[in-house]
Amino acid sequence: MIDWRHWHNEPWIVGGLVLLGWCWAVAAGPMRPRLAPGSSFPRGHAVRFFLGLLSFYLAVGSPLDQIAERYLFSAHMLQHQLLIYPAAILFLLGIPAWMVDPLLRPRPVLVIVRALTHPVACGALFTLIVGVWHAPLLYDWALRSKSVHVVEHLMFFGGALLYWWPMLSPSQLVPPRGRGTQMLYLLAVLIAMTPLFAYITFSQDILYPTYEFAPRIFPNFTAANDQLLAGVMMKLVGVFGALTAFAVAFFAWYQERK
């Protein structure tokens, strides 16, 4: 049975998030006079960054994780969407440029980051990460192995950071792309992800044995219904996220040309 009171407190989750929050706080506090002389404490960035960490924890540390691992593919899809959308977006929006640019300034690092954050690389890596992990063999392996599941979620989050970088880059050294490039990029990734949406949504077979034989926690909600819901969620949330970002880019592009 589901324990709705179970929240993960493993050191790698809580400790990792606390460490990230501590690093941000040290950079924004004691180190700020050296990193950004004269700058005030970035309250707006702080709110967004820590909301991003909270979104990450809700995805992997709340009772949702138990439901996703043992019962519902659609719950697992919701986990991934929390990592890809609110967690990654808020994380990037929560980092001031003066906090990230010193890390990117060394020439070898800057060359690598510029290559990785080129829109073609971002779109290809994000699509590849999401697509490969949805292969039945890998996906079910992640459900059976906690360590593999951790790797899967970290890769989804890392891929999401790359996906959003061309629009939301916090860096002045590797800034966001032009509005026209952003719009083309969003449409290209949306098109590239369509075969995966279709594969999950319209498959006549249950793709993942864990969910095929999982106990049904809702009456008459079959594994086929669960898989269909997961595919529809992936499609609708992906389209909504991409088109919302497209609309923002289009409006900014229009304003720049008025």
C-alpha atoms as a PDB file:
ATOM      1  CA  MET A   1       0.000   0.000   0.000  1.00  0.00           C
ATOM      2  CA  ILE A   2       1.016   3.596  -0.553  1.00  0.00           C
ATOM      3  CA  ASP A   3       2.335   5.427   2.482  1.00  0.00           C
ATOM      4  CA  TRP A   4       1.219   8.986   1.761  1.00  0.00           C
ATOM      5  CA  ARG A   5       3.315  10.235   4.685  1.00  0.00           C
ATOM      6  CA  HIS A   6       6.576   8.871   3.304  1.00  0.00           C
ATOM      7  CA  TRP A   7       9.047  11.581   2.300  1.00  0.00           C
ATOM      8  CA  HIS A   8      12.566  10.611   1.289  1.00  0.00           C
ATOM      9  CA  ASN A   9      15.279  11.831   3.617  1.00  0.00           C
ATOM     10  CA  GLU A  10      18.240   9.998   2.099  1.00  0.00           C
ATOM     11  CA  PRO A  11      21.526  11.937   2.408  1.00  0.00           C
ATOM     12  CA  TRP A  12      22.056  12.057  -1.338  1.00  0.00           C
ATOM     13  CA  ILE A  13      18.730  13.893  -1.812  1.00  0.00           C
ATOM     14  CA  VAL A  14      18.562  16.138   1.224  1.00  0.00           C
ATOM     15  CA  GLY A  15      22.324  16.594   1.464  1.00  0.00           C
ATOM     16  CA  GLY A  16      22.672  17.383  -2.225  1.00  0.00           C
ATOM     17  CA  LEU A  17      19.924  19.994  -2.180  1.00  0.00           C
ATOM     18  CA  VAL A  18      21.221  21.522   1.060  1.00  0.00           C
ATOM     19  CA  LEU A  19      24.705  21.689  -0.447  1.00  0.00           C
ATOM     20  CA  LEU A  20      23.401  23.482  -3.545  1.00  0.00           C
ATOM     21  CA  GLY A  21      21.441  25.913  -1.391  1.00  0.00           C
ATOM     22  CA  TRP A  22      24.459  26.500   0.853  1.00  0.00           C
ATOM     23  CA  CYS A  23      26.740  27.187  -2.145  1.00  0.00           C
ATOM     24  CA  TRP A  24      24.221  29.675  -3.536  1.00  0.00           C
ATOM     25  CA  ALA A  25      23.849  31.391  -0.139  1.00  0.00           C
ATOM     26  CA  VAL A  26      27.624  31.674   0.344  1.00  0.00           C
ATOM     27  CA  ALA A  27      28.045  33.151  -3.141  1.00  0.00           C
ATOM     28  CA  ALA A  28      25.172  35.598  -2.609  1.00  0.00           C
ATOM     29  CA  GLY A  29      26.291  36.501   0.922  1.00  0.00           C
ATOM     30  CA  PRO A  30      29.932  36.456   2.059  1.00  0.00           C
ATOM     31  CA  MET A  31      31.370  36.209  -1.458  1.00  0.00           C
ATOM     32  CA  ARG A  32      29.118  38.811  -3.098  1.00  0.00           C
ATOM     33  CA  PRO A  33      31.413  41.820  -2.412  1.00  0.00           C
ATOM     34  CA  ARG A  34      34.164  40.062  -4.349  1.00  0.00           C
ATOM     35  CA  LEU A  35      31.986  38.569  -7.107  1.00  0.00           C
ATOM     36  CA  ALA A  36      29.736  41.592  -7.663  1.00  0.00           C
ATOM     37  CA  PRO A  37      31.008  44.669  -5.785  1.00  0.00           C
ATOM     38  CA  GLY A  38      28.204  47.066  -4.923  1.00  0.00           C
ATOM     39  CA  SER A  39      25.398  44.655  -5.795  1.00  0.00           C
ATOM     40  CA  SER A  40      22.550  44.185  -3.353  1.00  0.00           C
ATOM     41  CA  PHE A  41      21.354  40.776  -2.236  1.00  0.00           C
ATOM     42  CA  PRO A  42      19.447  39.211  -5.182  1.00  0.00           C
ATOM     43  CA  ARG A  43      16.146  38.491  -3.442  1.00  0.00           C
ATOM     44  CA  GLY A  44      14.257  37.666  -6.626  1.00  0.00           C
ATOM     45  CA  HIS A  45      16.936  35.213  -7.686  1.00  0.00           C
ATOM     46  CA  ALA A  46      16.896  33.673  -4.220  1.00  0.00           C
ATOM     47  CA  VAL A  47      13.141  33.040  -4.341  1.00  0.00           C
ATOM     48  CA  ARG A  48      13.374  31.440  -7.775  1.00  0.00           C
ATOM     49  CA  PHE A  49      16.432  29.328  -6.959  1.00  0.00           C
ATOM     50  CA  PHE A  50      15.046  27.863  -3.751  1.00  0.00           C
ATOM     51  CA  LEU A  51      11.654  27.267  -5.364  1.00  0.00           C
ATOM     52  CA  GLY A  52      13.581  25.338  -8.015  1.00  0.00           C
ATOM     53  CA  LEU A  53      15.214  23.200  -5.324  1.00  0.00           C
ATOM     54  CA  LEU A  54      11.807  22.668  -3.718  1.00  0.00           C
ATOM     55  CA  SER A  55      10.348  21.584  -7.082  1.00  0.00           C
ATOM     56  CA  PHE A  56      13.196  19.106  -7.477  1.00  0.00           C
ATOM     57  CA  TYR A  57      12.556  17.676  -4.014  1.00  0.00           C
ATOM     58  CA  LEU A  58       8.808  17.401  -4.628  1.00  0.00           C
ATOM     59  CA  ALA A  59       9.588  15.421  -7.783  1.00  0.00           C
ATOM     60  CA  VAL A  60      12.012  12.910  -6.246  1.00  0.00           C
ATOM     61  CA  GLY A  61      11.495  13.113  -2.480  1.00  0.00           C
ATOM     62  CA  SER A  62       7.728  13.270  -1.985  1.00  0.00           C
ATOM     63  CA  PRO A  63       5.280  10.310  -1.926  1.00  0.00           C
ATOM     64  CA  LEU A  64       5.011  10.850  -5.691  1.00  0.00           C
ATOM     65  CA  ASP A  65       8.302   8.938  -6.030  1.00  0.00           C
ATOM     66  CA  GLN A  66       6.855   5.823  -4.399  1.00  0.00           C
ATOM     67  CA  ILE A  67       3.789   5.914  -6.656  1.00  0.00           C
ATOM     68  CA  ALA A  68       5.978   6.459  -9.717  1.00  0.00           C
ATOM     69  CA  GLU A  69       8.334   3.581  -8.929  1.00  0.00           C
ATOM     70  CA  ARG A  70       5.729   0.963  -8.013  1.00  0.00           C
ATOM     71  CA  TYR A  71       2.327   1.794  -9.409  1.00  0.00           C
ATOM     72  CA  LEU A  72       1.764   4.394 -12.135  1.00  0.00           C
ATOM     73  CA  PHE A  73       3.629   5.294 -15.296  1.00  0.00           C
ATOM     74  CA  SER A  74       1.672   8.564 -15.384  1.00  0.00           C
ATOM     75  CA  ALA A  75       3.051   9.458 -11.931  1.00  0.00           C
ATOM     76  CA  HIS A  76       6.558   8.781 -13.220  1.00  0.00           C
ATOM     77  CA  MET A  77       5.842  11.036 -16.184  1.00  0.00           C
ATOM     78  CA  LEU A  78       4.731  13.760 -13.762  1.00  0.00           C
ATOM     79  CA  GLN A  79       8.038  13.377 -11.919  1.00  0.00           C
ATOM     80  CA  HIS A  80       9.963  13.967 -15.127  1.00  0.00           C
ATOM     81  CA  GLN A  81       7.834  16.962 -16.039  1.00  0.00           C
ATOM     82  CA  LEU A  82       8.478  18.547 -12.643  1.00  0.00           C
ATOM     83  CA  LEU A  83      12.202  18.134 -13.263  1.00  0.00           C
ATOM     84  CA  ILE A  84      12.085  19.425 -16.851  1.00  0.00           C
ATOM     85  CA  TYR A  85       9.785  22.384 -16.358  1.00  0.00           C
ATOM     86  CA  PRO A  86       9.492  24.134 -12.959  1.00  0.00           C
ATOM     87  CA  ALA A  87      12.690  22.731 -11.404  1.00  0.00           C
ATOM     88  CA  ALA A  88      15.028  23.435 -14.337  1.00  0.00           C
ATOM     89  CA  ILE A  89      13.418  26.755 -15.287  1.00  0.00           C
ATOM     90  CA  LEU A  90      13.482  28.134 -11.732  1.00  0.00           C
ATOM     91  CA  PHE A  91      17.040  26.869 -11.216  1.00  0.00           C
ATOM     92  CA  LEU A  92      18.325  28.827 -14.223  1.00  0.00           C
ATOM     93  CA  LEU A  93      16.274  31.912 -13.368  1.00  0.00           C
ATOM     94  CA  GLY A  94      17.656  31.810  -9.826  1.00  0.00           C
ATOM     95  CA  ILE A  95      21.330  32.214 -10.719  1.00  0.00           C
ATOM     96  CA  PRO A  96      22.685  35.749 -11.297  1.00  0.00           C
ATOM     97  CA  ALA A  97      25.213  36.192 -14.097  1.00  0.00           C
ATOM     98  CA  TRP A  98      27.917  37.307 -11.660  1.00  0.00           C
ATOM     99  CA  MET A  99      27.536  34.000  -9.842  1.00  0.00           C
ATOM    100  CA  VAL A 100      27.950  31.706 -12.837  1.00  0.00           C
ATOM    101  CA  ASP A 101      30.330  33.597 -15.119  1.00  0.00           C
ATOM    102  CA  PRO A 102      33.454  33.220 -12.925  1.00  0.00           C
ATOM    103  CA  LEU A 103      33.016  29.451 -13.271  1.00  0.00           C
ATOM    104  CA  LEU A 104      32.809  29.734 -17.067  1.00  0.00           C
ATOM    105  CA  ARG A 105      35.630  32.245 -17.585  1.00  0.00           C
ATOM    106  CA  PRO A 106      38.568  29.789 -17.891  1.00  0.00           C
ATOM    107  CA  ARG A 107      39.114  29.323 -21.617  1.00  0.00           C
ATOM    108  CA  PRO A 108      38.809  25.505 -21.763  1.00  0.00           C
ATOM    109  CA  VAL A 109      35.586  25.604 -19.722  1.00  0.00           C
ATOM    110  CA  LEU A 110      34.125  28.376 -21.860  1.00  0.00           C
ATOM    111  CA  VAL A 111      34.879  26.502 -25.097  1.00  0.00           C
ATOM    112  CA  ILE A 112      33.184  23.339 -23.805  1.00  0.00           C
ATOM    113  CA  VAL A 113      30.151  25.183 -22.428  1.00  0.00           C
ATOM    114  CA  ARG A 114      29.673  27.143 -25.646  1.00  0.00           C
ATOM    115  CA  ALA A 115      29.761  23.921 -27.625  1.00  0.00           C
ATOM    116  CA  LEU A 116      27.333  22.128 -25.298  1.00  0.00           C
ATOM    117  CA  THR A 117      24.903  25.058 -25.178  1.00  0.00           C
ATOM    118  CA  HIS A 118      24.705  25.617 -28.924  1.00  0.00           C
ATOM    119  CA  PRO A 119      21.010  25.201 -29.808  1.00  0.00           C
ATOM    120  CA  VAL A 120      21.707  22.201 -32.032  1.00  0.00           C
ATOM    121  CA  ALA A 121      23.632  20.466 -29.255  1.00  0.00           C
ATOM    122  CA  CYS A 122      21.037  21.379 -26.611  1.00  0.00           C
ATOM    123  CA  GLY A 123      18.133  20.121 -28.691  1.00  0.00           C
ATOM    124  CA  ALA A 124      19.922  16.947 -29.741  1.00  0.00           C
ATOM    125  CA  LEU A 125      21.144  16.063 -26.245  1.00  0.00           C
ATOM    126  CA  PHE A 126      17.776  16.746 -24.618  1.00  0.00           C
ATOM    127  CA  THR A 127      15.897  14.686 -27.208  1.00  0.00           C
ATOM    128  CA  LEU A 128      18.464  11.880 -26.986  1.00  0.00           C
ATOM    129  CA  ILE A 129      18.408  11.732 -23.172  1.00  0.00           C
ATOM    130  CA  VAL A 130      14.615  11.664 -22.947  1.00  0.00           C
ATOM    131  CA  GLY A 131      14.236   9.260 -25.863  1.00  0.00           C
ATOM    132  CA  VAL A 132      16.885   6.744 -24.814  1.00  0.00           C
ATOM    133  CA  TRP A 133      15.680   6.569 -21.213  1.00  0.00           C
ATOM    134  CA  HIS A 134      12.169   5.727 -22.434  1.00  0.00           C
ATOM    135  CA  ALA A 135      13.446   2.590 -24.154  1.00  0.00           C
ATOM    136  CA  PRO A 136      11.662  -0.269 -22.316  1.00  0.00           C
ATOM    137  CA  LEU A 137      14.882  -2.009 -21.227  1.00  0.00           C
ATOM    138  CA  LEU A 138      16.433   1.117 -19.678  1.00  0.00           C
ATOM    139  CA  TYR A 139      13.200   2.467 -18.231  1.00  0.00           C
ATOM    140  CA  ASP A 140      12.368  -0.763 -16.433  1.00  0.00           C
ATOM    141  CA  TRP A 141      15.983  -1.092 -15.270  1.00  0.00           C
ATOM    142  CA  ALA A 142      15.669   2.317 -13.607  1.00  0.00           C
ATOM    143  CA  LEU A 143      12.502   1.149 -11.849  1.00  0.00           C
ATOM    144  CA  ARG A 144      14.282  -1.933 -10.482  1.00  0.00           C
ATOM    145  CA  SER A 145      17.517  -0.215  -9.403  1.00  0.00           C
ATOM    146  CA  LYS A 146      17.574   2.795  -7.097  1.00  0.00           C
ATOM    147  CA  SER A 147      21.031   3.906  -8.221  1.00  0.00           C
ATOM    148  CA  VAL A 148      20.060   3.713 -11.907  1.00  0.00           C
ATOM    149  CA  HIS A 149      16.885   5.652 -11.117  1.00  0.00           C
ATOM    150  CA  VAL A 150      19.001   8.381  -9.511  1.00  0.00           C
ATOM    151  CA  VAL A 151      21.176   8.568 -12.627  1.00  0.00           C
ATOM    152  CA  GLU A 152      18.074   8.731 -14.819  1.00  0.00           C
ATOM    153  CA  HIS A 153      16.615  11.664 -12.881  1.00  0.00           C
ATOM    154  CA  LEU A 154      19.917  13.546 -12.784  1.00  0.00           C
ATOM    155  CA  MET A 155      20.269  13.109 -16.541  1.00  0.00           C
ATOM    156  CA  PHE A 156      16.704  14.328 -17.096  1.00  0.00           C
ATOM    157  CA  PHE A 157      17.423  17.409 -14.982  1.00  0.00           C
ATOM    158  CA  GLY A 158      20.761  18.042 -16.711  1.00  0.00           C
ATOM    159  CA  GLY A 159      19.131  17.606 -20.114  1.00  0.00           C
ATOM    160  CA  ALA A 160      16.396  20.043 -19.076  1.00  0.00           C
ATOM    161  CA  LEU A 161      18.986  22.655 -18.082  1.00  0.00           C
ATOM    162  CA  LEU A 162      20.496  22.321 -21.556  1.00  0.00           C
ATOM    163  CA  TYR A 163      17.051  22.474 -23.181  1.00  0.00           C
ATOM    164  CA  TRP A 164      16.198  25.776 -21.496  1.00  0.00           C
ATOM    165  CA  TRP A 165      19.663  27.342 -21.736  1.00  0.00           C
ATOM    166  CA  PRO A 166      19.202  28.998 -25.170  1.00  0.00           C
ATOM    167  CA  MET A 167      16.205  30.884 -23.734  1.00  0.00           C
ATOM    168  CA  LEU A 168      17.083  31.309 -20.053  1.00  0.00           C
ATOM    169  CA  SER A 169      20.867  31.338 -19.844  1.00  0.00           C
ATOM    170  CA  PRO A 170      21.967  33.196 -16.705  1.00  0.00           C
ATOM    171  CA  SER A 171      25.392  33.898 -18.213  1.00  0.00           C
ATOM    172  CA  GLN A 172      26.693  37.000 -19.967  1.00  0.00           C
ATOM    173  CA  LEU A 173      29.563  34.966 -21.421  1.00  0.00           C
ATOM    174  CA  VAL A 174      27.180  32.418 -22.947  1.00  0.00           C
ATOM    175  CA  PRO A 175      24.002  34.497 -23.207  1.00  0.00           C
ATOM    176  CA  PRO A 176      20.531  33.522 -24.444  1.00  0.00           C
ATOM    177  CA  ARG A 177      20.161  33.229 -28.203  1.00  0.00           C
ATOM    178  CA  GLY A 178      18.352  35.739 -30.380  1.00  0.00           C
ATOM    179  CA  ARG A 179      14.567  35.635 -30.380  1.00  0.00           C
ATOM    180  CA  GLY A 180      14.315  34.254 -33.901  1.00  0.00           C
ATOM    181  CA  THR A 181      16.735  31.445 -33.069  1.00  0.00           C
ATOM    182  CA  GLN A 182      14.794  30.675 -29.905  1.00  0.00           C
ATOM    183  CA  MET A 183      11.525  30.303 -31.795  1.00  0.00           C
ATOM    184  CA  LEU A 184      13.033  28.017 -34.438  1.00  0.00           C
ATOM    185  CA  TYR A 185      14.787  26.000 -31.738  1.00  0.00           C
ATOM    186  CA  LEU A 186      11.592  25.429 -29.749  1.00  0.00           C
ATOM    187  CA  LEU A 187       9.690  24.257 -32.810  1.00  0.00           C
ATOM    188  CA  ALA A 188      12.541  21.977 -33.877  1.00  0.00           C
ATOM    189  CA  VAL A 189      12.727  20.254 -30.477  1.00  0.00           C
ATOM    190  CA  LEU A 190       8.946  19.898 -30.361  1.00  0.00           C
ATOM    191  CA  ILE A 191       8.992  18.195 -33.758  1.00  0.00           C
ATOM    192  CA  ALA A 192      11.952  15.995 -32.759  1.00  0.00           C
ATOM    193  CA  MET A 193      10.092  14.801 -29.655  1.00  0.00           C
ATOM    194  CA  THR A 194       6.898  13.910 -31.550  1.00  0.00           C
ATOM    195  CA  PRO A 195       7.918  10.302 -32.415  1.00  0.00           C
ATOM    196  CA  LEU A 196       8.464   9.583 -28.710  1.00  0.00           C
ATOM    197  CA  PHE A 197       5.066  11.083 -27.838  1.00  0.00           C
ATOM    198  CA  ALA A 198       3.445   8.914 -30.512  1.00  0.00           C
ATOM    199  CA  TYR A 199       5.373   5.783 -29.472  1.00  0.00           C
ATOM    200  CA  ILE A 200       4.067   5.981 -25.907  1.00  0.00           C
ATOM    201  CA  THR A 201       0.562   7.256 -26.629  1.00  0.00           C
ATOM    202  CA  PHE A 202      -0.422   4.993 -29.511  1.00  0.00           C
ATOM    203  CA  SER A 203       1.422   1.779 -28.637  1.00  0.00           C
ATOM    204  CA  GLN A 204      -0.909  -1.217 -28.574  1.00  0.00           C
ATOM    205  CA  ASP A 205       1.392  -2.997 -26.110  1.00  0.00           C
ATOM    206  CA  ILE A 206       2.194  -2.189 -22.492  1.00  0.00           C
ATOM    207  CA  LEU A 207       5.753  -0.935 -22.833  1.00  0.00           C
ATOM    208  CA  TYR A 208       7.008  -1.372 -19.281  1.00  0.00           C
ATOM    209  CA  PRO A 209       6.433  -4.684 -17.397  1.00  0.00           C
ATOM    210  CA  THR A 210       6.654  -2.990 -13.977  1.00  0.00           C
ATOM    211  CA  TYR A 211       3.491  -1.041 -14.700  1.00  0.00           C
ATOM    212  CA  GLU A 212       1.771  -3.883 -16.537  1.00  0.00           C
ATOM    213  CA  PHE A 213       1.857  -6.064 -13.415  1.00  0.00           C
ATOM    214  CA  ALA A 214       1.645  -3.317 -10.784  1.00  0.00           C
ATOM    215  CA  PRO A 215      -1.276  -3.339  -8.328  1.00  0.00           C
ATOM    216  CA  ARG A 216      -4.101  -1.124  -9.518  1.00  0.00           C
ATOM    217  CA  ILE A 217      -4.583   1.719  -7.031  1.00  0.00           C
ATOM    218  CA  PHE A 218      -7.639   3.127  -8.838  1.00  0.00           C
ATOM    219  CA  PRO A 219     -10.596   0.936  -9.835  1.00  0.00           C
ATOM    220  CA  ASN A 220     -10.881   0.279 -13.588  1.00  0.00           C
ATOM    221  CA  PHE A 221      -7.710   2.290 -14.290  1.00  0.00           C
ATOM    222  CA  THR A 222      -5.794  -0.276 -16.313  1.00  0.00           C
ATOM    223  CA  ALA A 223      -2.148  -0.312 -17.333  1.00  0.00           C
ATOM    224  CA  ALA A 224      -3.269   0.667 -20.854  1.00  0.00           C
ATOM    225  CA  ASN A 225      -5.189   3.664 -19.481  1.00  0.00           C
ATOM    226  CA  ASP A 226      -2.157   4.616 -17.395  1.00  0.00           C
ATOM    227  CA  GLN A 227       0.165   4.453 -20.407  1.00  0.00           C
ATOM    228  CA  LEU A 228      -2.240   6.475 -22.544  1.00  0.00           C
ATOM    229  CA  LEU A 229      -2.478   9.125 -19.822  1.00  0.00           C
ATOM    230  CA  ALA A 230       1.316   9.263 -19.525  1.00  0.00           C
ATOM    231  CA  GLY A 231       1.705   9.781 -23.272  1.00  0.00           C
ATOM    232  CA  VAL A 232      -0.978  12.470 -23.354  1.00  0.00           C
ATOM    233  CA  MET A 233       0.662  14.217 -20.392  1.00  0.00           C
ATOM    234  CA  MET A 234       4.036  14.159 -22.129  1.00  0.00           C
ATOM    235  CA  LYS A 235       2.534  15.605 -25.298  1.00  0.00           C
ATOM    236  CA  LEU A 236       0.290  18.260 -23.775  1.00  0.00           C
ATOM    237  CA  VAL A 237       2.753  19.514 -21.162  1.00  0.00           C
ATOM    238  CA  GLY A 238       5.575  19.523 -23.718  1.00  0.00           C
ATOM    239  CA  VAL A 239       3.486  21.447 -26.232  1.00  0.00           C
ATOM    240  CA  PHE A 240       2.227  23.876 -23.580  1.00  0.00           C
ATOM    241  CA  GLY A 241       5.752  24.541 -22.297  1.00  0.00           C
ATOM    242  CA  ALA A 242       7.242  24.997 -25.766  1.00  0.00           C
ATOM    243  CA  LEU A 243       4.403  27.177 -27.071  1.00  0.00           C
ATOM    244  CA  THR A 244       4.426  29.341 -23.941  1.00  0.00           C
ATOM    245  CA  ALA A 245       8.154  29.910 -24.374  1.00  0.00           C
ATOM    246  CA  PHE A 246       7.567  30.529 -28.097  1.00  0.00           C
ATOM    247  CA  ALA A 247       4.921  33.152 -27.293  1.00  0.00           C
ATOM    248  CA  VAL A 248       7.267  34.916 -24.857  1.00  0.00           C
ATOM    249  CA  ALA A 249      10.064  34.925 -27.457  1.00  0.00           C
ATOM    250  CA  PHE A 250       7.699  36.130 -30.185  1.00  0.00           C
ATOM    251  CA  PHE A 251       6.348  38.979 -28.033  1.00  0.00           C
ATOM    252  CA  ALA A 252       9.892  40.075 -27.120  1.00  0.00           C
ATOM    253  CA  TRP A 253      10.917  39.876 -30.802  1.00  0.00           C
ATOM    254  CA  TYR A 254       7.892  41.988 -31.777  1.00  0.00           C
ATOM    255  CA  GLN A 255       8.634  44.575 -29.101  1.00  0.00           C
ATOM    256  CA  GLU A 256      12.244  44.865 -30.270  1.00  0.00           C
ATOM    257  CA  ARG A 257      11.070  45.747 -33.780  1.00  0.00           C
ATOM    258  CA  LYS A 258       8.419  48.303 -32.896  1.00  0.00           C
END
